[in-house]
Amino acid sequence: MSDRPIRVRFAPSPTGYLHVGGARTALFNWLFARHHGGTFILRIEDTDRARSSDAMVQAIIDGLEWLGLLWDEGPFHQADGIERHRRDALELLRTGHAYRCFCTPEQIEARKGEAAGGEEAFGYDRHCLLRVSREEAERRAAAGQPYAVRFRVPEGTTSWDDAVHGRIEFANRDIEDFIILRSDGTAVYNMAVVSDDAEMGITHVIRGDDHISNTPKQILLYQALGRPTPVFAHVPMILGPDGKRLSKRHGATAIGEYREQGILPSAMVNFLALLGWSPGTDEELFEISQLIERFSLEGINKKSAVFDPQKLEWLNGQHLSRMPAERLEPLVTERLVAAGLASASELESRRAWYHSVIDLVKVRARNLNALVEQARPYLEETVTYEPGAIQKHWADPAETRARLLALRDRFSAVEEWDAARLETTLRGLADELGVGAGKLIHPLRVALVGTAVSPGIFDVLAVMGRERTLRRLDAAITVLEDRAAGTAAPPGAGPGRAP
């Protein structure tokens, strides 16, 4: 742990959308900062102008905001630091930690060809360090000859205590003198990152373990610049269910796609946190405040995490069922309005009833889109009958019609419309008819919501209300009468619709 105030950063490249791996990296940085009362910085690494776009920057920002991972400083743009990157590289040149390289790509390729077949893989052979004096290099540079700047890798080893993997060590002889400044005066990735992180006072670098090979180069640059070296924590990669690196072939990988699928941000955060981090217990359901309290770098696993879509769906269902209607309301309203099921003003005018609908259907829904579909029968004037539900519970149209007609008469006489009284009424009728209550409940469910499954039928009745319930029963009785007379389409021909 650094003695300095905690400062971490998330530094995505805006060459694509915010994906699962990047979102998890952002989350771990954010949780670490929040746990320690530190600072979370957003830096857009946009020096690759050809592949970067404003649309991708906005998509990254939108994704972070949706997840609730709000930054304390930024967003900064790496491109704004180009002159500082160059100054830091030239400082290394001035102090002898770097040298000018006048070798062209063609010359290097030719020497690489000459070395082909040797026992060791070709690395830059230090031609300009060994054969071009400093004075000659300065004369050639002053004459306008193009050159790159290479870092002079010292002898020995470079090691660090990784907060996830423990001690990691690289032999410096395996690191070639790498370019830090291109011939056009722009810094390469490692130089730009070190310059930015040093300027921002970053104390901990939490990133994917695909960056491990960059770390010894960056540590050497910190040391040569005389800047404090941050603590490094390399997070294992995310795999698909088939054990291969997560990619589009496994389904959605962009965070925005999960938002469209109706995943809650709190569930996504919960899921991402468990991709490679363990709370040390068997607990799986966490609110964000609990994650902040429990998170530590020590809890990050060394092994790769497996992305399980079914686990995400289950977690989302758990978050949905536990979330109060007040918090779900804006998320559900957005989708109900988009589906044309209601206007925002209509829902606001019946807010208490609207909340009762949300609370009723949220328990069975696994995502917001499913919740909207399950809320549809309570909002639409017509109901669609599923063919399977008709075949199963309206198999005998005449008998079912008679039972629903009797039930309709009893319900119309109920003075106080609540679940308890409605249950008493239905069960009393079932006793009189000499049938189990299910013989009334299942056909009634189809009449009300059009499906074979729903929340508890008496809660459905209470939320649906007297007038709509009676209208649905009247419509079902009419449809059953037609079926009994043989004038209706067969159940397998398609869903029926009734008021």
Protein backbone atom coordinates (compact mmCIF):
# COMPACT_ATOMS: atom_id res chain seq x y z
CA MET A 1 0.00 0.00 0.00
CA SER A 2 1.36 3.41 -0.96
CA ASP A 3 1.80 6.07 1.72
CA ARG A 4 0.45 8.65 -0.73
CA PRO A 5 -3.28 9.41 -1.03
CA ILE A 6 -4.86 6.75 -3.26
CA ARG A 7 -5.20 7.84 -6.88
CA VAL A 8 -6.27 5.38 -9.58
CA ARG A 9 -7.36 5.75 -13.17
CA PHE A 10 -9.39 4.04 -15.84
CA ALA A 11 -7.82 4.74 -19.21
CA PRO A 12 -9.84 3.24 -22.09
CA SER A 13 -8.97 3.64 -25.74
CA PRO A 14 -11.96 5.06 -27.67
CA THR A 15 -11.63 2.61 -30.53
CA GLY A 16 -14.73 0.64 -29.53
CA TYR A 17 -17.59 0.50 -27.07
CA LEU A 18 -17.19 -0.09 -23.34
CA HIS A 19 -16.91 -3.85 -23.12
CA VAL A 20 -17.23 -6.26 -20.22
CA GLY A 21 -13.49 -6.47 -19.58
CA GLY A 22 -13.03 -2.71 -19.59
CA ALA A 23 -16.08 -2.20 -17.40
CA ARG A 24 -14.71 -4.65 -14.84
CA THR A 25 -11.35 -2.86 -14.83
CA ALA A 26 -13.14 0.45 -14.28
CA LEU A 27 -15.21 -1.09 -11.48
CA PHE A 28 -12.20 -2.52 -9.63
CA ASN A 29 -10.45 0.85 -9.81
CA TRP A 30 -13.59 2.66 -8.68
CA LEU A 31 -14.26 0.28 -5.79
CA PHE A 32 -10.64 0.51 -4.65
CA ALA A 33 -10.78 4.30 -4.68
CA ARG A 34 -14.11 4.43 -2.87
CA HIS A 35 -13.01 1.87 -0.25
CA HIS A 36 -9.93 3.92 0.61
CA GLY A 37 -11.44 7.38 0.19
CA GLY A 38 -9.21 7.93 -2.83
CA THR A 39 -9.59 9.54 -6.23
CA PHE A 40 -10.89 7.83 -9.37
CA ILE A 41 -9.72 9.46 -12.62
CA LEU A 42 -11.05 8.93 -16.14
CA ARG A 43 -8.48 9.36 -18.89
CA ILE A 44 -9.29 8.73 -22.54
CA GLU A 45 -6.25 7.33 -24.34
CA ASP A 46 -7.00 8.85 -27.73
CA THR A 47 -3.57 9.36 -29.27
CA ASP A 48 -4.50 6.87 -32.00
CA ARG A 49 -6.49 9.45 -33.95
CA ALA A 50 -7.14 7.14 -36.89
CA ARG A 51 -9.04 4.62 -34.77
CA SER A 52 -10.54 6.93 -32.13
CA SER A 53 -13.90 8.65 -32.45
CA ASP A 54 -16.07 11.04 -30.45
CA ALA A 55 -18.93 8.52 -30.68
CA MET A 56 -16.83 5.87 -28.95
CA VAL A 57 -15.78 8.35 -26.25
CA GLN A 58 -19.44 9.13 -25.58
CA ALA A 59 -20.32 5.43 -25.54
CA ILE A 60 -17.65 4.81 -22.88
CA ILE A 61 -18.91 7.73 -20.80
CA ASP A 62 -22.53 6.59 -21.17
CA GLY A 63 -21.59 3.08 -20.06
CA LEU A 64 -19.74 4.28 -16.98
CA GLU A 65 -22.56 6.63 -16.02
CA TRP A 66 -25.13 3.85 -16.44
CA LEU A 67 -23.10 1.62 -14.12
CA GLY A 68 -22.81 4.48 -11.63
CA LEU A 69 -19.00 4.58 -11.85
CA LEU A 70 -18.69 8.35 -11.70
CA TRP A 71 -15.19 9.78 -11.79
CA ASP A 72 -13.69 12.41 -9.49
CA GLU A 73 -11.38 13.97 -12.10
CA GLY A 74 -11.58 14.05 -15.87
CA PRO A 75 -12.33 12.97 -18.41
CA PHE A 76 -8.82 13.88 -19.48
CA HIS A 77 -7.56 13.18 -23.00
CA GLN A 78 -4.18 11.63 -23.53
CA ALA A 79 -3.84 13.57 -26.78
CA ASP A 80 -3.68 16.79 -24.75
CA GLY A 81 -0.41 15.61 -23.19
CA ILE A 82 1.55 15.04 -26.41
CA GLU A 83 4.02 17.86 -25.73
CA ARG A 84 4.64 16.65 -22.17
CA HIS A 85 5.17 13.10 -23.43
CA ARG A 86 7.78 14.45 -25.84
CA ARG A 87 9.49 16.52 -23.15
CA ASP A 88 9.78 13.50 -20.86
CA ALA A 89 11.24 11.40 -23.68
CA LEU A 90 13.77 14.10 -24.55
CA GLU A 91 14.69 14.38 -20.86
CA LEU A 92 15.64 10.70 -20.95
CA LEU A 93 17.70 11.44 -24.05
CA ARG A 94 19.45 14.32 -22.24
CA THR A 95 20.28 12.22 -19.19
CA GLY A 96 21.69 9.33 -21.23
CA HIS A 97 18.86 6.91 -20.50
CA ALA A 98 17.90 7.02 -24.19
CA TYR A 99 19.58 7.58 -27.55
CA ARG A 100 18.73 8.58 -31.08
CA CYS A 101 18.13 5.79 -33.56
CA PHE A 102 18.50 6.58 -37.26
CA CYS A 103 17.83 3.05 -38.47
CA THR A 104 15.08 2.80 -41.04
CA PRO A 105 12.50 0.01 -40.88
CA GLU A 106 14.07 -1.47 -44.03
CA GLN A 107 17.52 -1.58 -42.45
CA ILE A 108 16.21 -3.24 -39.31
CA GLU A 109 14.26 -5.76 -41.39
CA ALA A 110 17.40 -6.58 -43.39
CA ARG A 111 19.44 -7.21 -40.24
CA LYS A 112 16.58 -9.29 -38.89
CA GLY A 113 16.74 -11.42 -42.03
CA GLU A 114 20.48 -11.88 -41.63
CA ALA A 115 19.94 -13.09 -38.06
CA ALA A 116 17.20 -15.53 -39.07
CA GLY A 117 17.93 -19.10 -38.07
CA GLY A 118 20.01 -18.08 -35.08
CA GLU A 119 19.52 -19.51 -31.63
CA GLU A 120 17.89 -16.34 -30.28
CA ALA A 121 15.03 -14.26 -31.65
CA PHE A 122 16.16 -11.00 -33.20
CA GLY A 123 15.97 -7.92 -31.01
CA TYR A 124 17.21 -4.45 -31.86
CA ASP A 125 21.00 -4.80 -32.02
CA ARG A 126 21.86 -1.36 -30.58
CA HIS A 127 23.40 -0.35 -33.89
CA CYS A 128 22.98 3.40 -33.25
CA LEU A 129 24.14 3.17 -29.64
CA LEU A 130 27.32 1.24 -30.51
CA ARG A 131 28.21 2.74 -33.87
CA VAL A 132 26.93 6.32 -33.76
CA SER A 133 28.59 8.64 -31.25
CA ARG A 134 26.53 11.15 -29.33
CA GLU A 135 28.19 14.03 -31.19
CA GLU A 136 27.52 12.48 -34.58
CA ALA A 137 23.92 11.77 -33.58
CA GLU A 138 23.44 15.42 -32.64
CA ARG A 139 24.96 16.59 -35.96
CA ARG A 140 22.72 14.28 -37.97
CA ALA A 141 19.65 15.38 -36.00
CA ALA A 142 20.56 19.05 -36.50
CA ALA A 143 20.88 18.38 -40.23
CA GLY A 144 17.29 17.17 -40.27
CA GLN A 145 17.85 13.44 -40.57
CA PRO A 146 14.79 11.62 -39.15
CA TYR A 147 15.31 9.63 -35.99
CA ALA A 148 13.44 7.82 -33.28
CA VAL A 149 14.40 7.81 -29.61
CA ARG A 150 15.10 4.45 -28.01
CA PHE A 151 15.28 3.72 -24.30
CA ARG A 152 18.58 2.23 -23.20
CA VAL A 153 17.64 -0.85 -21.18
CA PRO A 154 20.13 -1.37 -18.33
CA GLU A 155 21.64 -4.69 -17.34
CA GLY A 156 20.11 -6.80 -14.59
CA THR A 157 16.52 -7.60 -13.85
CA THR A 158 13.29 -5.67 -13.40
CA SER A 159 10.85 -6.94 -10.80
CA TRP A 160 7.86 -5.86 -8.78
CA ASP A 161 5.46 -7.21 -6.18
CA ASP A 162 2.22 -7.46 -8.07
CA ALA A 163 -0.81 -6.97 -5.81
CA VAL A 164 -2.52 -9.94 -7.51
CA HIS A 165 0.20 -12.28 -8.78
CA GLY A 166 2.93 -11.68 -6.23
CA ARG A 167 6.58 -11.33 -7.21
CA ILE A 168 7.15 -11.01 -10.97
CA GLU A 169 10.62 -10.70 -12.48
CA PHE A 170 11.92 -10.06 -16.00
CA ALA A 171 15.52 -10.42 -17.17
CA ASN A 172 16.45 -7.12 -18.83
CA ARG A 173 18.40 -8.96 -21.53
CA ASP A 174 15.02 -10.14 -22.82
CA ILE A 175 13.83 -6.54 -23.26
CA GLU A 176 15.19 -4.84 -26.36
CA ASP A 177 15.96 -1.13 -26.40
CA PHE A 178 12.42 -0.04 -27.15
CA ILE A 179 11.31 3.09 -28.96
CA ILE A 180 9.82 5.79 -26.73
CA LEU A 181 9.55 8.59 -29.31
CA ARG A 182 8.68 8.08 -32.95
CA SER A 183 10.37 9.94 -35.76
CA ASP A 184 7.32 12.23 -36.02
CA GLY A 185 7.89 13.38 -32.43
CA THR A 186 4.99 11.48 -30.84
CA ALA A 187 5.46 9.17 -27.87
CA VAL A 188 4.67 5.46 -28.04
CA TYR A 189 2.16 3.87 -25.65
CA ASN A 190 4.51 3.02 -22.77
CA MET A 191 6.11 6.45 -22.71
CA ALA A 192 2.76 8.27 -22.90
CA VAL A 193 1.22 6.14 -20.13
CA VAL A 194 4.15 6.65 -17.76
CA SER A 195 4.21 10.38 -18.46
CA ASP A 196 0.46 10.65 -17.83
CA ASP A 197 0.40 8.46 -14.72
CA ALA A 198 3.37 10.29 -13.22
CA GLU A 199 1.80 13.68 -13.96
CA MET A 200 -1.51 12.60 -12.37
CA GLY A 201 0.16 11.11 -9.30
CA ILE A 202 -1.30 7.64 -9.89
CA THR A 203 -0.49 5.41 -6.92
CA HIS A 204 -2.04 2.13 -8.09
CA VAL A 205 -2.37 0.79 -11.61
CA ILE A 206 -5.16 -1.82 -11.72
CA ARG A 207 -5.51 -3.29 -15.19
CA GLY A 208 -5.80 -6.51 -17.18
CA ASP A 209 -2.96 -9.01 -17.05
CA ASP A 210 -2.47 -8.65 -20.80
CA HIS A 211 -0.44 -5.58 -19.76
CA ILE A 212 2.07 -7.56 -17.69
CA SER A 213 4.61 -7.52 -20.53
CA ASN A 214 4.44 -3.70 -20.62
CA THR A 215 5.09 -3.34 -16.90
CA PRO A 216 8.89 -3.89 -16.81
CA LYS A 217 9.32 -1.28 -19.54
CA GLN A 218 7.17 1.17 -17.63
CA ILE A 219 8.99 0.53 -14.35
CA LEU A 220 12.31 1.24 -16.11
CA LEU A 221 10.88 4.51 -17.43
CA TYR A 222 9.66 5.56 -13.96
CA GLN A 223 13.08 4.84 -12.51
CA ALA A 224 14.91 6.71 -15.27
CA LEU A 225 12.63 9.74 -14.87
CA GLY A 226 13.08 9.67 -11.10
CA ARG A 227 9.32 9.35 -10.54
CA PRO A 228 7.61 7.16 -7.89
CA THR A 229 6.63 3.75 -9.25
CA PRO A 230 2.97 2.90 -8.61
CA VAL A 231 1.70 -0.37 -7.19
CA PHE A 232 0.68 -2.69 -10.01
CA ALA A 233 -2.29 -5.08 -9.82
CA HIS A 234 -2.90 -7.19 -12.91
CA VAL A 235 -6.38 -8.66 -13.11
CA PRO A 236 -6.86 -12.03 -14.88
CA MET A 237 -8.72 -12.14 -18.16
CA ILE A 238 -12.39 -13.04 -18.61
CA LEU A 239 -13.21 -16.26 -20.44
CA GLY A 240 -16.37 -17.41 -22.15
CA PRO A 241 -18.24 -20.53 -21.00
CA ASP A 242 -16.09 -22.56 -23.45
CA GLY A 243 -12.90 -21.55 -21.68
CA LYS A 244 -11.73 -19.26 -24.48
CA ARG A 245 -11.20 -15.52 -24.20
CA LEU A 246 -14.52 -13.67 -24.07
CA SER A 247 -15.51 -12.33 -27.48
CA LYS A 248 -18.56 -11.55 -29.59
CA ARG A 249 -19.01 -15.22 -30.42
CA HIS A 250 -20.14 -15.70 -26.81
CA GLY A 251 -22.90 -13.11 -27.21
CA ALA A 252 -23.08 -9.51 -26.09
CA THR A 253 -19.83 -8.04 -24.81
CA ALA A 254 -20.60 -4.30 -24.96
CA ILE A 255 -22.12 -2.95 -21.75
CA GLY A 256 -24.73 -0.99 -23.70
CA GLU A 257 -26.17 -4.23 -25.07
CA TYR A 258 -26.92 -5.50 -21.57
CA ARG A 259 -28.68 -2.25 -20.81
CA GLU A 260 -30.89 -2.82 -23.86
CA GLN A 261 -31.58 -6.36 -22.69
CA GLY A 262 -33.07 -5.01 -19.47
CA ILE A 263 -30.21 -5.71 -17.08
CA LEU A 264 -30.16 -3.46 -14.01
CA PRO A 265 -26.97 -1.45 -13.44
CA SER A 266 -26.80 -2.68 -9.83
CA ALA A 267 -26.98 -6.30 -11.03
CA MET A 268 -24.33 -5.70 -13.69
CA VAL A 269 -22.01 -4.17 -11.10
CA ASN A 270 -22.65 -7.09 -8.75
CA PHE A 271 -21.91 -9.55 -11.56
CA LEU A 272 -18.77 -7.77 -12.76
CA ALA A 273 -17.40 -7.57 -9.22
CA LEU A 274 -17.60 -11.35 -8.90
CA LEU A 275 -15.72 -11.86 -12.18
CA GLY A 276 -12.32 -12.41 -10.66
CA TRP A 277 -12.89 -11.07 -7.14
CA SER A 278 -14.06 -12.99 -4.09
CA PRO A 279 -15.52 -11.54 -0.90
CA GLY A 280 -14.06 -14.46 1.03
CA THR A 281 -17.49 -15.99 1.69
CA ASP A 282 -20.19 -17.77 -0.30
CA GLU A 283 -22.23 -14.57 -0.60
CA GLU A 284 -23.22 -13.55 -4.12
CA LEU A 285 -25.79 -10.78 -3.76
CA PHE A 286 -24.30 -7.36 -3.07
CA GLU A 287 -25.46 -3.80 -3.21
CA ILE A 288 -22.86 -1.29 -4.37
CA SER A 289 -22.36 0.04 -0.85
CA GLN A 290 -21.52 -3.49 0.34
CA LEU A 291 -19.03 -3.97 -2.48
CA ILE A 292 -17.29 -0.73 -1.54
CA GLU A 293 -17.03 -1.87 2.06
CA ARG A 294 -15.71 -5.35 1.22
CA PHE A 295 -13.47 -4.75 -1.81
CA SER A 296 -9.73 -5.29 -1.60
CA LEU A 297 -6.94 -6.11 -4.04
CA GLU A 298 -6.17 -9.18 -1.93
CA GLY A 299 -9.56 -10.58 -2.92
CA ILE A 300 -8.75 -10.59 -6.65
CA ASN A 301 -8.16 -14.10 -7.94
CA LYS A 302 -5.13 -15.13 -9.98
CA LYS A 303 -7.16 -17.48 -12.18
CA SER A 304 -9.22 -16.29 -15.12
CA ALA A 305 -12.92 -15.68 -14.50
CA VAL A 306 -15.67 -17.31 -16.55
CA PHE A 307 -18.51 -15.17 -17.87
CA ASP A 308 -21.76 -17.04 -17.18
CA PRO A 309 -24.81 -15.40 -18.85
CA GLN A 310 -27.19 -17.53 -16.76
CA LYS A 311 -25.54 -16.28 -13.57
CA LEU A 312 -26.02 -12.70 -14.75
CA GLU A 313 -29.69 -13.40 -15.52
CA TRP A 314 -30.20 -14.96 -12.08
CA LEU A 315 -28.48 -12.07 -10.30
CA ASN A 316 -30.55 -9.60 -12.26
CA GLY A 317 -33.75 -11.38 -11.22
CA GLN A 318 -32.63 -11.22 -7.59
CA HIS A 319 -31.93 -7.50 -7.82
CA LEU A 320 -35.26 -6.92 -9.54
CA SER A 321 -37.24 -8.76 -6.89
CA ARG A 322 -35.49 -6.93 -4.04
CA MET A 323 -35.58 -3.44 -5.50
CA PRO A 324 -38.41 -1.15 -4.29
CA ALA A 325 -40.91 -0.01 -6.90
CA GLU A 326 -39.81 3.58 -6.31
CA ARG A 327 -36.33 2.79 -7.60
CA LEU A 328 -37.59 0.64 -10.46
CA GLU A 329 -40.19 3.18 -11.56
CA PRO A 330 -38.04 5.38 -13.87
CA LEU A 331 -36.43 2.34 -15.51
CA VAL A 332 -39.78 0.62 -16.08
CA THR A 333 -41.58 3.78 -17.17
CA GLU A 334 -39.01 4.37 -19.90
CA ARG A 335 -39.72 0.96 -21.38
CA LEU A 336 -43.50 1.06 -20.92
CA VAL A 337 -43.67 4.38 -22.76
CA ALA A 338 -41.36 3.09 -25.52
CA ALA A 339 -43.62 0.03 -25.92
CA GLY A 340 -46.67 2.27 -26.26
CA LEU A 341 -48.37 0.73 -23.23
CA ALA A 342 -48.86 3.99 -21.34
CA SER A 343 -47.77 7.58 -21.16
CA ALA A 344 -45.63 8.92 -18.36
CA SER A 345 -48.45 11.22 -17.26
CA GLU A 346 -50.93 8.32 -17.07
CA LEU A 347 -48.58 6.32 -14.89
CA GLU A 348 -47.86 9.31 -12.68
CA SER A 349 -51.58 9.95 -12.16
CA ARG A 350 -52.04 6.38 -10.85
CA ARG A 351 -48.69 6.08 -9.11
CA ALA A 352 -49.77 3.98 -6.12
CA TRP A 353 -51.51 1.48 -8.40
CA TYR A 354 -48.56 1.58 -10.81
CA HIS A 355 -46.21 0.65 -7.98
CA SER A 356 -48.48 -2.24 -7.05
CA VAL A 357 -48.19 -3.55 -10.63
CA ILE A 358 -44.39 -3.32 -10.50
CA ASP A 359 -44.24 -5.07 -7.13
CA LEU A 360 -46.56 -7.80 -8.40
CA VAL A 361 -44.68 -8.73 -11.57
CA LYS A 362 -41.06 -8.00 -10.61
CA VAL A 363 -40.69 -11.24 -8.62
CA ARG A 364 -41.08 -13.47 -11.68
CA ALA A 365 -39.13 -11.27 -14.12
CA ARG A 366 -35.44 -11.85 -14.89
CA ASN A 367 -34.96 -8.52 -16.69
CA LEU A 368 -36.74 -5.23 -17.27
CA ASN A 369 -37.98 -6.26 -20.72
CA ALA A 370 -39.66 -9.34 -19.24
CA LEU A 371 -41.12 -7.19 -16.47
CA VAL A 372 -42.70 -4.91 -19.08
CA GLU A 373 -44.21 -7.87 -20.90
CA GLN A 374 -45.63 -9.23 -17.65
CA ALA A 375 -47.10 -5.79 -16.87
CA ARG A 376 -48.79 -5.63 -20.28
CA PRO A 377 -52.12 -7.31 -19.25
CA TYR A 378 -52.63 -4.70 -16.51
CA LEU A 379 -52.21 -1.80 -18.92
CA GLU A 380 -53.63 -2.90 -22.25
CA GLU A 381 -57.33 -2.93 -22.96
CA THR A 382 -57.05 -6.30 -24.66
CA VAL A 383 -55.39 -9.54 -23.64
CA THR A 384 -53.71 -12.09 -25.88
CA TYR A 385 -54.39 -15.76 -25.12
CA GLU A 386 -51.44 -18.08 -25.53
CA PRO A 387 -52.43 -21.20 -27.54
CA GLY A 388 -50.72 -23.47 -25.04
CA ALA A 389 -52.65 -21.95 -22.15
CA ILE A 390 -55.94 -22.39 -24.02
CA GLN A 391 -55.20 -26.02 -24.84
CA LYS A 392 -54.24 -26.78 -21.26
CA HIS A 393 -56.86 -24.90 -19.24
CA TRP A 394 -59.73 -24.26 -21.68
CA ALA A 395 -59.78 -27.77 -23.15
CA ASP A 396 -63.54 -28.14 -22.52
CA PRO A 397 -64.99 -24.79 -23.65
CA ALA A 398 -68.55 -25.44 -22.45
CA GLU A 399 -67.57 -26.57 -18.98
CA THR A 400 -64.96 -23.81 -18.58
CA ARG A 401 -67.48 -21.20 -19.74
CA ALA A 402 -70.00 -22.32 -17.15
CA ARG A 403 -67.46 -22.11 -14.34
CA LEU A 404 -66.17 -18.68 -15.37
CA LEU A 405 -69.75 -17.43 -15.73
CA ALA A 406 -70.52 -18.53 -12.16
CA LEU A 407 -67.28 -16.96 -10.96
CA ARG A 408 -68.11 -13.74 -12.76
CA ASP A 409 -71.46 -13.54 -10.98
CA ARG A 410 -69.86 -14.09 -7.58
CA PHE A 411 -67.10 -11.52 -8.19
CA SER A 412 -69.60 -8.90 -9.33
CA ALA A 413 -71.22 -9.12 -5.89
CA VAL A 414 -67.98 -8.60 -3.93
CA GLU A 415 -68.19 -5.20 -2.26
CA GLU A 416 -64.61 -4.75 -1.00
CA TRP A 417 -62.21 -5.77 -3.76
CA ASP A 418 -59.16 -7.22 -2.02
CA ALA A 419 -57.15 -10.44 -2.31
CA ALA A 420 -58.48 -12.02 0.90
CA ARG A 421 -62.17 -11.57 0.05
CA LEU A 422 -61.64 -12.65 -3.54
CA GLU A 423 -59.90 -15.82 -2.40
CA THR A 424 -62.73 -16.60 0.01
CA THR A 425 -65.27 -16.06 -2.79
CA LEU A 426 -63.47 -18.29 -5.28
CA ARG A 427 -62.82 -21.13 -2.86
CA GLY A 428 -66.41 -20.98 -1.64
CA LEU A 429 -67.67 -21.37 -5.21
CA ALA A 430 -65.29 -24.27 -5.83
CA ASP A 431 -66.70 -26.07 -2.78
CA GLU A 432 -70.27 -25.54 -4.03
CA LEU A 433 -69.38 -26.88 -7.47
CA GLY A 434 -67.55 -29.84 -5.93
CA VAL A 435 -64.25 -29.13 -7.72
CA GLY A 436 -60.79 -28.21 -6.58
CA ALA A 437 -59.98 -24.51 -6.51
CA GLY A 438 -57.45 -25.07 -9.32
CA LYS A 439 -60.34 -25.84 -11.71
CA LEU A 440 -61.36 -22.21 -11.32
CA ILE A 441 -57.95 -20.59 -10.76
CA HIS A 442 -56.24 -21.86 -13.92
CA PRO A 443 -59.02 -20.93 -16.39
CA LEU A 444 -59.38 -17.61 -14.60
CA ARG A 445 -55.67 -16.89 -15.02
CA VAL A 446 -55.91 -17.43 -18.78
CA ALA A 447 -58.92 -15.13 -18.91
CA LEU A 448 -57.13 -12.35 -17.02
CA VAL A 449 -53.55 -12.41 -18.34
CA GLY A 450 -53.69 -14.86 -21.26
CA THR A 451 -50.97 -17.17 -19.93
CA ALA A 452 -50.71 -20.36 -17.93
CA VAL A 453 -48.45 -18.78 -15.32
CA SER A 454 -48.63 -15.54 -13.41
CA PRO A 455 -48.12 -14.13 -9.92
CA GLY A 456 -50.59 -15.33 -7.29
CA ILE A 457 -54.03 -15.16 -8.84
CA PHE A 458 -55.66 -13.33 -5.93
CA ASP A 459 -52.96 -10.65 -6.03
CA VAL A 460 -53.52 -10.43 -9.78
CA LEU A 461 -57.24 -9.88 -9.20
CA ALA A 462 -56.61 -7.20 -6.59
CA VAL A 463 -54.21 -5.26 -8.81
CA MET A 464 -56.25 -5.68 -11.97
CA GLY A 465 -59.31 -4.22 -10.26
CA ARG A 466 -63.02 -4.95 -10.42
CA GLU A 467 -63.93 -3.35 -13.73
CA ARG A 468 -61.08 -4.77 -15.80
CA THR A 469 -61.49 -8.20 -14.20
CA LEU A 470 -65.18 -8.32 -15.07
CA ARG A 471 -64.50 -7.13 -18.62
CA ARG A 472 -61.86 -9.84 -19.07
CA LEU A 473 -64.26 -12.48 -17.76
CA ASP A 474 -67.02 -11.28 -20.09
CA ALA A 475 -64.61 -11.47 -23.04
CA ALA A 476 -63.41 -14.95 -22.08
CA ILE A 477 -66.98 -16.20 -21.67
CA THR A 478 -67.80 -14.95 -25.17
CA VAL A 479 -64.70 -16.61 -26.67
CA LEU A 480 -65.51 -19.88 -24.89
CA GLU A 481 -69.09 -19.74 -26.13
CA ASP A 482 -67.84 -19.44 -29.69
CA ARG A 483 -65.43 -22.31 -29.15
CA ALA A 484 -68.15 -24.48 -27.68
CA ALA A 485 -70.29 -23.72 -30.74
CA GLY A 486 -67.40 -24.55 -33.05
CA THR A 487 -67.27 -21.09 -34.61
CA ALA A 488 -63.89 -20.07 -33.21
CA ALA A 489 -60.48 -20.85 -34.70
CA PRO A 490 -58.80 -23.93 -33.22
CA PRO A 491 -56.48 -23.20 -30.30
CA GLY A 492 -53.36 -24.04 -32.27
CA ALA A 493 -54.17 -21.54 -35.03
CA GLY A 494 -52.73 -18.61 -33.11
CA PRO A 495 -53.33 -16.47 -30.05
CA GLY A 496 -56.75 -15.04 -29.53
CA ARG A 497 -57.38 -11.46 -28.40
CA ALA A 498 -60.17 -10.19 -26.22
CA PRO A 499 -60.93 -7.00 -24.32
